[in-house]
Amino acid sequence: RLSLVGSEMCIRDRVSTQSTGFLFLMNFAQRSSIPAPRPPEKGAFPLDHFGECKMAESNYLSCIKQNNNRSSLCKDFAKQYLICRMDKGLMEKEELSVLGYK
């Protein structure tokens, strides 16, 4: 049996309340304006499971903490961390100029 409620049609007696709720959620999700996720620009890279660049990472994070999260003051530490990751094969080797360094 079909009946008109407002501007939408509801199916009664054939669809349980639970499945009606599911249909509502599916319809809501389809109309949602959430953008699709995008992969990182440089792709995926392995985590430093063995702590090979732990010292460079710690130096950078300490600098960030000491300088109230102003990363521009810690560029040299960030550069050393990226060099370490490239040297240890934890990220693809890249020219530093491409990564924003001179």
N, C-alpha and C. Protein backbone atom coordinates (compact mmCIF):
# COMPACT_ATOMS: atom_id res chain seq x y z
N ARG A 1 0.85 -1.17 0.00
CA ARG A 1 0.00 0.00 0.00
C ARG A 1 0.89 1.24 0.00
N LEU A 2 0.59 2.21 -0.84
CA LEU A 2 1.37 3.44 -0.94
C LEU A 2 0.53 4.60 -0.47
N SER A 3 1.15 5.54 0.20
CA SER A 3 0.44 6.75 0.58
C SER A 3 1.39 7.93 0.42
N LEU A 4 0.85 9.08 0.14
CA LEU A 4 1.65 10.28 -0.08
C LEU A 4 1.74 11.06 1.22
N VAL A 5 2.97 11.32 1.70
CA VAL A 5 3.20 12.10 2.91
C VAL A 5 4.07 13.26 2.50
N GLY A 6 3.54 14.47 2.55
CA GLY A 6 4.30 15.64 2.10
C GLY A 6 4.57 15.47 0.62
N SER A 7 5.85 15.57 0.23
CA SER A 7 6.20 15.40 -1.17
C SER A 7 6.88 14.06 -1.43
N GLU A 8 6.95 13.18 -0.41
CA GLU A 8 7.61 11.90 -0.57
C GLU A 8 6.60 10.77 -0.42
N MET A 9 6.86 9.68 -1.09
CA MET A 9 5.99 8.51 -0.99
C MET A 9 6.53 7.59 0.09
N CYS A 10 5.67 7.03 0.90
CA CYS A 10 6.04 6.08 1.92
C CYS A 10 5.39 4.74 1.61
N ILE A 11 6.12 3.69 1.80
CA ILE A 11 5.56 2.35 1.62
C ILE A 11 5.23 1.83 3.00
N ARG A 12 3.98 1.46 3.20
CA ARG A 12 3.53 0.97 4.51
C ARG A 12 3.17 -0.49 4.41
N ASP A 13 3.20 -1.16 5.51
CA ASP A 13 2.80 -2.55 5.65
C ASP A 13 3.77 -3.52 4.99
N ARG A 14 4.59 -3.10 4.10
CA ARG A 14 5.53 -4.01 3.43
C ARG A 14 6.97 -3.81 3.90
N VAL A 15 7.26 -2.65 4.41
CA VAL A 15 8.63 -2.33 4.82
C VAL A 15 8.64 -2.09 6.31
N SER A 16 9.50 -2.79 7.00
CA SER A 16 9.57 -2.61 8.45
C SER A 16 10.20 -1.26 8.79
N THR A 17 10.01 -0.84 10.00
CA THR A 17 10.56 0.44 10.45
C THR A 17 12.08 0.43 10.34
N GLN A 18 12.70 -0.70 10.64
CA GLN A 18 14.15 -0.80 10.60
C GLN A 18 14.67 -0.59 9.18
N SER A 19 14.08 -1.25 8.20
CA SER A 19 14.58 -1.10 6.84
C SER A 19 14.25 0.28 6.29
N THR A 20 13.16 0.90 6.75
CA THR A 20 12.85 2.26 6.33
C THR A 20 13.94 3.20 6.81
N GLY A 21 14.41 3.01 8.05
CA GLY A 21 15.51 3.81 8.58
C GLY A 21 16.77 3.64 7.76
N PHE A 22 17.04 2.39 7.36
CA PHE A 22 18.21 2.12 6.54
C PHE A 22 18.10 2.83 5.20
N LEU A 23 16.93 2.77 4.58
CA LEU A 23 16.72 3.44 3.30
C LEU A 23 16.92 4.95 3.42
N PHE A 24 16.44 5.52 4.53
CA PHE A 24 16.62 6.95 4.77
C PHE A 24 18.11 7.29 4.84
N LEU A 25 18.89 6.48 5.58
CA LEU A 25 20.31 6.74 5.72
C LEU A 25 21.04 6.61 4.39
N MET A 26 20.67 5.61 3.60
CA MET A 26 21.29 5.44 2.29
C MET A 26 20.99 6.65 1.39
N ASN A 27 19.75 7.10 1.41
CA ASN A 27 19.36 8.25 0.60
C ASN A 27 20.11 9.50 1.07
N PHE A 28 20.24 9.68 2.39
CA PHE A 28 20.96 10.82 2.95
C PHE A 28 22.43 10.78 2.54
N ALA A 29 23.04 9.60 2.60
CA ALA A 29 24.45 9.46 2.26
C ALA A 29 24.69 9.78 0.78
N GLN A 30 23.75 9.43 -0.07
CA GLN A 30 23.92 9.70 -1.49
C GLN A 30 23.84 11.20 -1.78
N ARG A 31 23.06 11.93 -1.00
CA ARG A 31 22.92 13.37 -1.22
C ARG A 31 23.96 14.17 -0.46
N SER A 32 24.77 13.52 0.34
CA SER A 32 25.75 14.20 1.17
C SER A 32 26.78 14.91 0.31
N SER A 33 27.30 16.02 0.80
CA SER A 33 28.28 16.80 0.05
C SER A 33 29.70 16.53 0.52
N ILE A 34 29.96 15.39 1.14
CA ILE A 34 31.29 15.04 1.61
C ILE A 34 32.14 14.67 0.40
N PRO A 35 33.29 15.34 0.22
CA PRO A 35 34.12 15.03 -0.95
C PRO A 35 34.79 13.67 -0.80
N ALA A 36 35.08 13.05 -1.92
CA ALA A 36 35.77 11.76 -1.91
C ALA A 36 37.20 11.96 -1.42
N PRO A 37 37.75 11.01 -0.65
CA PRO A 37 39.12 11.16 -0.17
C PRO A 37 40.12 11.11 -1.32
N ARG A 38 41.21 11.86 -1.16
CA ARG A 38 42.26 11.89 -2.18
C ARG A 38 43.53 11.28 -1.60
N PRO A 39 44.30 10.54 -2.41
CA PRO A 39 45.57 10.00 -1.92
C PRO A 39 46.60 11.11 -1.75
N PRO A 40 47.63 10.90 -0.94
CA PRO A 40 48.68 11.91 -0.78
C PRO A 40 49.38 12.18 -2.11
N GLU A 41 49.90 13.39 -2.29
CA GLU A 41 50.56 13.77 -3.54
C GLU A 41 51.78 12.90 -3.83
N LYS A 42 52.54 12.57 -2.82
CA LYS A 42 53.77 11.79 -3.00
C LYS A 42 53.54 10.29 -2.83
N GLY A 43 52.30 9.86 -2.65
CA GLY A 43 52.02 8.45 -2.47
C GLY A 43 52.29 7.99 -1.05
N ALA A 44 52.18 6.71 -0.83
CA ALA A 44 52.38 6.15 0.51
C ALA A 44 53.87 5.87 0.72
N PHE A 45 54.31 5.94 1.96
CA PHE A 45 55.68 5.60 2.28
C PHE A 45 55.69 4.87 3.62
N PRO A 46 56.67 4.00 3.84
CA PRO A 46 56.70 3.21 5.07
C PRO A 46 56.96 4.05 6.31
N LEU A 47 56.40 3.60 7.41
CA LEU A 47 56.68 4.23 8.70
C LEU A 47 58.08 3.81 9.16
N ASP A 48 58.64 4.57 10.05
CA ASP A 48 59.98 4.28 10.58
C ASP A 48 59.85 3.33 11.77
N HIS A 49 59.50 2.08 11.49
CA HIS A 49 59.26 1.09 12.54
C HIS A 49 60.49 0.82 13.40
N PHE A 50 61.68 0.94 12.82
CA PHE A 50 62.90 0.60 13.55
C PHE A 50 63.60 1.82 14.13
N GLY A 51 62.98 2.98 14.02
CA GLY A 51 63.53 4.20 14.62
C GLY A 51 64.82 4.66 13.98
N GLU A 52 64.99 4.40 12.69
CA GLU A 52 66.23 4.77 12.02
C GLU A 52 66.43 6.28 11.94
N CYS A 53 65.35 7.03 11.93
CA CYS A 53 65.44 8.50 11.86
C CYS A 53 64.83 9.15 13.11
N LYS A 54 64.83 8.42 14.20
CA LYS A 54 64.21 8.90 15.44
C LYS A 54 64.89 10.17 15.96
N MET A 55 66.22 10.23 15.87
CA MET A 55 66.94 11.40 16.37
C MET A 55 66.58 12.65 15.57
N ALA A 56 66.55 12.53 14.24
CA ALA A 56 66.19 13.68 13.40
C ALA A 56 64.74 14.09 13.66
N GLU A 57 63.87 13.12 13.84
CA GLU A 57 62.46 13.41 14.14
C GLU A 57 62.34 14.13 15.48
N SER A 58 63.03 13.64 16.49
CA SER A 58 62.99 14.25 17.83
C SER A 58 63.52 15.68 17.81
N ASN A 59 64.60 15.90 17.07
CA ASN A 59 65.16 17.25 16.96
C ASN A 59 64.15 18.21 16.35
N TYR A 60 63.49 17.76 15.28
CA TYR A 60 62.49 18.60 14.61
C TYR A 60 61.31 18.90 15.55
N LEU A 61 60.80 17.87 16.20
CA LEU A 61 59.64 18.06 17.09
C LEU A 61 59.99 18.94 18.29
N SER A 62 61.21 18.82 18.80
CA SER A 62 61.66 19.69 19.90
C SER A 62 61.73 21.14 19.44
N CYS A 63 62.24 21.35 18.23
CA CYS A 63 62.31 22.70 17.68
C CYS A 63 60.92 23.30 17.53
N ILE A 64 59.99 22.51 17.00
CA ILE A 64 58.61 22.98 16.83
C ILE A 64 58.02 23.38 18.19
N LYS A 65 58.25 22.54 19.20
CA LYS A 65 57.70 22.82 20.54
C LYS A 65 58.32 24.09 21.14
N GLN A 66 59.62 24.25 20.98
CA GLN A 66 60.32 25.42 21.53
C GLN A 66 59.93 26.71 20.82
N ASN A 67 59.48 26.61 19.58
CA ASN A 67 59.16 27.80 18.79
C ASN A 67 57.66 27.98 18.57
N ASN A 68 56.86 27.48 19.49
CA ASN A 68 55.41 27.65 19.45
C ASN A 68 54.79 27.27 18.10
N ASN A 69 55.19 26.11 17.58
CA ASN A 69 54.64 25.54 16.35
C ASN A 69 54.92 26.37 15.10
N ARG A 70 55.94 27.20 15.12
CA ARG A 70 56.31 27.97 13.93
C ARG A 70 57.33 27.15 13.13
N SER A 71 56.82 26.41 12.17
CA SER A 71 57.66 25.47 11.42
C SER A 71 58.74 26.17 10.59
N SER A 72 58.51 27.42 10.23
CA SER A 72 59.51 28.14 9.42
C SER A 72 60.83 28.28 10.15
N LEU A 73 60.80 28.27 11.48
CA LEU A 73 62.02 28.39 12.27
C LEU A 73 62.76 27.05 12.39
N CYS A 74 62.15 25.98 11.93
CA CYS A 74 62.71 24.64 12.10
C CYS A 74 62.99 23.95 10.76
N LYS A 75 63.13 24.74 9.70
CA LYS A 75 63.32 24.16 8.37
C LYS A 75 64.56 23.28 8.27
N ASP A 76 65.64 23.67 8.94
CA ASP A 76 66.86 22.88 8.87
C ASP A 76 66.66 21.50 9.49
N PHE A 77 65.91 21.44 10.59
CA PHE A 77 65.64 20.15 11.22
C PHE A 77 64.72 19.29 10.35
N ALA A 78 63.76 19.91 9.72
CA ALA A 78 62.87 19.18 8.81
C ALA A 78 63.66 18.64 7.63
N LYS A 79 64.58 19.44 7.12
CA LYS A 79 65.42 19.03 6.00
C LYS A 79 66.27 17.81 6.39
N GLN A 80 66.86 17.84 7.57
CA GLN A 80 67.67 16.71 8.03
C GLN A 80 66.82 15.45 8.19
N TYR A 81 65.61 15.62 8.64
CA TYR A 81 64.70 14.48 8.79
C TYR A 81 64.38 13.87 7.42
N LEU A 82 64.08 14.70 6.44
CA LEU A 82 63.78 14.20 5.10
C LEU A 82 65.00 13.53 4.47
N ILE A 83 66.18 14.10 4.67
CA ILE A 83 67.41 13.49 4.15
C ILE A 83 67.62 12.11 4.78
N CYS A 84 67.40 12.01 6.08
CA CYS A 84 67.53 10.73 6.76
C CYS A 84 66.57 9.71 6.17
N ARG A 85 65.32 10.09 5.99
CA ARG A 85 64.31 9.17 5.44
C ARG A 85 64.70 8.71 4.04
N MET A 86 65.21 9.62 3.23
CA MET A 86 65.63 9.24 1.87
C MET A 86 66.84 8.31 1.92
N ASP A 87 67.81 8.62 2.79
CA ASP A 87 69.01 7.79 2.92
C ASP A 87 68.69 6.38 3.40
N LYS A 88 67.70 6.24 4.25
CA LYS A 88 67.34 4.94 4.82
C LYS A 88 66.30 4.19 3.98
N GLY A 89 65.89 4.79 2.87
CA GLY A 89 64.91 4.13 1.99
C GLY A 89 63.49 4.18 2.52
N LEU A 90 63.20 5.14 3.40
CA LEU A 90 61.86 5.28 3.96
C LEU A 90 60.98 6.19 3.13
N MET A 91 61.58 6.83 2.14
CA MET A 91 60.82 7.60 1.16
C MET A 91 61.65 7.67 -0.11
N GLU A 92 60.99 7.93 -1.20
CA GLU A 92 61.67 8.00 -2.49
C GLU A 92 62.64 9.17 -2.49
N LYS A 93 63.82 8.94 -3.06
CA LYS A 93 64.80 10.03 -3.15
C LYS A 93 64.26 11.10 -4.08
N GLU A 94 64.42 12.33 -3.64
CA GLU A 94 63.86 13.49 -4.35
C GLU A 94 64.85 14.63 -4.21
N GLU A 95 64.96 15.46 -5.22
CA GLU A 95 65.80 16.66 -5.10
C GLU A 95 65.21 17.55 -4.00
N LEU A 96 66.07 18.07 -3.15
CA LEU A 96 65.58 18.91 -2.05
C LEU A 96 64.90 20.18 -2.57
N SER A 97 65.30 20.64 -3.74
CA SER A 97 64.66 21.82 -4.30
C SER A 97 63.19 21.55 -4.63
N VAL A 98 62.87 20.32 -5.00
CA VAL A 98 61.48 19.94 -5.27
C VAL A 98 60.67 19.95 -3.97
N LEU A 99 61.35 19.67 -2.86
CA LEU A 99 60.68 19.64 -1.56
C LEU A 99 60.68 21.01 -0.87
N GLY A 100 61.17 22.04 -1.56
CA GLY A 100 61.09 23.39 -1.01
C GLY A 100 62.36 23.88 -0.35
N TYR A 101 63.48 23.18 -0.55
CA TYR A 101 64.75 23.59 0.06
C TYR A 101 65.73 24.03 -1.02
N LYS A 102 66.66 24.93 -0.64
CA LYS A 102 67.66 25.42 -1.59
C LYS A 102 68.91 24.59 -1.51
